[in-house]
Amino acid sequence: MTEGRPEPGRTLQSMEPPDPRFGVGVRTEGNAVVFALTGELDHDTAPLLRERFDEVFDAPAGAGAGASAGTEPPEVVVVDCAELGFCDSTGLNLLLTARLTAVERGIDIRLAGLHGHVVRMFEITGAGGVFSIHPDLAAALAAG
């Protein structure tokens, strides 16, 4: 992996044993980095996602055109929630914090595939009003 962005088609791997209740795959899709979430995002599993966000968001800014590929933060981050079955307040707070970090760094952050209990949490809390939300990954990637 080059600093900040995974190489196309590569997924970031944690050195810690995976929690069978939650997974996060990170890959590039054109000018976007996609976080594919699976399982349950809660107090116990949120640190893994926080680490992945930090790896991508903390890429050096303004590395310039002469820098090697993957050294700059992405233009777009899409959080694909199609396989996310549960999100508690810790997970929601983490997503809101990631949104603020993205905005500070000039990164467009989008959510895709919210459904079931997850979309209900966004509706109840009003958090859906601060995110760009799309029905699926393809729509989020195509959004301008």
Protein backbone atom coordinates (compact mmCIF):
# COMPACT_ATOMS: atom_id res chain seq x y z
CA MET A 1 0.00 0.00 0.00
CA THR A 2 1.19 3.49 -0.77
CA GLU A 3 0.68 5.97 1.99
CA GLY A 4 -2.92 7.14 2.37
CA ARG A 5 -4.62 5.19 -0.38
CA PRO A 6 -4.67 1.49 -1.08
CA GLU A 7 -3.42 0.43 -4.47
CA PRO A 8 -6.25 -0.29 -6.92
CA GLY A 9 -7.80 -3.64 -6.16
CA ARG A 10 -5.97 -4.05 -2.84
CA THR A 11 -7.67 -4.16 0.52
CA LEU A 12 -6.13 -2.83 3.73
CA GLN A 13 -5.67 -5.57 6.30
CA SER A 14 -5.53 -5.22 10.06
CA MET A 15 -2.83 -6.99 12.06
CA GLU A 16 -5.36 -7.67 14.81
CA PRO A 17 -7.59 -10.74 14.65
CA PRO A 18 -10.78 -9.76 12.85
CA ASP A 19 -13.98 -9.38 14.83
CA PRO A 20 -16.42 -11.81 13.23
CA ARG A 21 -19.25 -9.34 13.84
CA PHE A 22 -17.79 -6.55 11.70
CA GLY A 23 -15.62 -6.07 8.67
CA VAL A 24 -14.34 -3.17 6.63
CA GLY A 25 -12.80 -3.52 3.22
CA VAL A 26 -11.04 -0.53 1.69
CA ARG A 27 -10.40 -0.27 -2.04
CA THR A 28 -10.05 2.32 -4.75
CA GLU A 29 -12.64 2.85 -7.48
CA GLY A 30 -11.38 5.50 -9.90
CA ASN A 31 -10.90 8.74 -7.94
CA ALA A 32 -12.74 7.34 -4.91
CA VAL A 33 -11.84 5.23 -1.92
CA VAL A 34 -14.65 2.84 -0.99
CA PHE A 35 -15.15 1.60 2.57
CA ALA A 36 -17.30 -1.55 2.37
CA LEU A 37 -18.82 -2.20 5.80
CA THR A 38 -20.27 -5.55 6.86
CA GLY A 39 -21.96 -6.70 10.04
CA GLU A 40 -22.40 -4.58 13.15
CA LEU A 41 -20.82 -1.18 13.70
CA ASP A 42 -20.89 -0.51 17.44
CA HIS A 43 -18.77 0.47 20.45
CA ASP A 44 -16.66 -2.69 20.20
CA THR A 45 -16.10 -2.68 16.45
CA ALA A 46 -15.79 1.06 15.72
CA PRO A 47 -12.01 1.23 16.40
CA LEU A 48 -11.29 -0.83 13.28
CA LEU A 49 -13.22 1.60 11.08
CA ARG A 50 -11.60 4.58 12.85
CA GLU A 51 -8.15 3.14 12.00
CA ARG A 52 -9.11 2.73 8.34
CA PHE A 53 -10.45 6.29 8.14
CA ASP A 54 -7.24 7.59 9.72
CA GLU A 55 -5.10 5.69 7.20
CA VAL A 56 -6.94 7.29 4.28
CA PHE A 57 -7.64 10.77 5.66
CA ASP A 58 -4.13 11.30 7.02
CA ALA A 59 -2.46 11.00 3.62
CA PRO A 60 -0.22 14.00 2.99
CA ALA A 61 -2.18 16.86 1.45
CA GLY A 62 -0.91 18.68 -1.60
CA ALA A 63 1.76 16.15 -2.50
CA GLY A 64 1.71 17.67 -5.99
CA ALA A 65 1.52 16.31 -9.50
CA GLY A 66 5.05 14.90 -9.30
CA ALA A 67 4.26 12.67 -6.34
CA SER A 68 3.80 8.97 -6.83
CA ALA A 69 0.27 7.67 -7.27
CA GLY A 70 -1.66 7.23 -4.06
CA THR A 71 0.15 9.80 -1.95
CA GLU A 72 -2.65 12.36 -1.86
CA PRO A 73 -5.96 12.02 -0.05
CA PRO A 74 -8.77 10.84 -2.30
CA GLU A 75 -11.22 13.24 -3.92
CA VAL A 76 -14.17 11.10 -2.85
CA VAL A 77 -14.83 8.63 -0.05
CA VAL A 78 -17.85 6.34 -0.30
CA VAL A 79 -18.98 4.39 2.74
CA ASP A 80 -20.90 1.40 1.35
CA CYS A 81 -23.40 0.26 3.99
CA ALA A 82 -25.22 -2.31 1.85
CA GLU A 83 -23.95 -5.16 4.06
CA LEU A 84 -24.10 -3.21 7.34
CA GLY A 85 -26.87 -4.70 9.46
CA PHE A 86 -26.53 -2.57 12.59
CA CYS A 87 -25.11 0.77 13.65
CA ASP A 88 -25.32 2.16 17.19
CA SER A 89 -24.65 5.69 18.42
CA THR A 90 -20.89 5.06 18.57
CA GLY A 91 -20.88 4.07 14.91
CA LEU A 92 -23.04 7.03 13.97
CA ASN A 93 -20.72 9.38 15.88
CA LEU A 94 -17.72 7.88 14.10
CA LEU A 95 -19.35 8.46 10.70
CA LEU A 96 -20.21 12.05 11.65
CA THR A 97 -16.63 12.65 12.81
CA ALA A 98 -15.32 11.16 9.56
CA ARG A 99 -17.59 13.52 7.66
CA LEU A 100 -16.13 16.54 9.49
CA THR A 101 -12.59 15.33 8.82
CA ALA A 102 -13.40 14.81 5.14
CA VAL A 103 -14.90 18.29 4.85
CA GLU A 104 -11.81 19.82 6.51
CA ARG A 105 -9.60 18.08 3.96
CA GLY A 106 -11.76 18.91 0.94
CA ILE A 107 -12.89 15.32 0.47
CA ASP A 108 -16.41 14.58 -0.72
CA ILE A 109 -17.86 11.84 1.54
CA ARG A 110 -20.93 9.86 0.49
CA LEU A 111 -22.95 7.06 2.05
CA ALA A 112 -24.45 4.27 -0.02
CA GLY A 113 -26.87 1.42 0.52
CA LEU A 114 -28.38 2.41 3.87
CA HIS A 115 -31.24 0.09 4.78
CA GLY A 116 -33.17 -1.40 7.67
CA HIS A 117 -32.11 -0.42 11.17
CA VAL A 118 -29.21 1.63 9.84
CA VAL A 119 -31.34 3.94 7.69
CA ARG A 120 -33.82 4.21 10.57
CA MET A 121 -31.07 5.52 12.88
CA PHE A 122 -30.16 8.17 10.31
CA GLU A 123 -33.82 9.17 9.97
CA ILE A 124 -34.49 9.35 13.73
CA THR A 125 -31.37 11.36 14.53
CA GLY A 126 -31.54 13.63 11.50
CA ALA A 127 -27.99 12.65 10.57
CA GLY A 128 -29.17 11.81 7.08
CA GLY A 129 -29.53 15.52 6.43
CA VAL A 130 -25.79 16.17 6.68
CA PHE A 131 -24.62 13.35 4.41
CA SER A 132 -24.86 12.79 0.69
CA ILE A 133 -26.83 9.52 0.72
CA HIS A 134 -27.26 7.28 -2.33
CA PRO A 135 -29.31 4.13 -2.87
CA ASP A 136 -26.29 2.00 -3.82
CA LEU A 137 -22.56 2.08 -4.49
CA ALA A 138 -22.93 2.65 -8.22
CA ALA A 139 -25.11 5.73 -7.66
CA ALA A 140 -22.68 7.11 -5.06
CA LEU A 141 -19.72 6.67 -7.39
CA ALA A 142 -21.60 8.27 -10.28
CA ALA A 143 -22.75 11.30 -8.24
CA GLY A 144 -21.00 14.53 -9.08
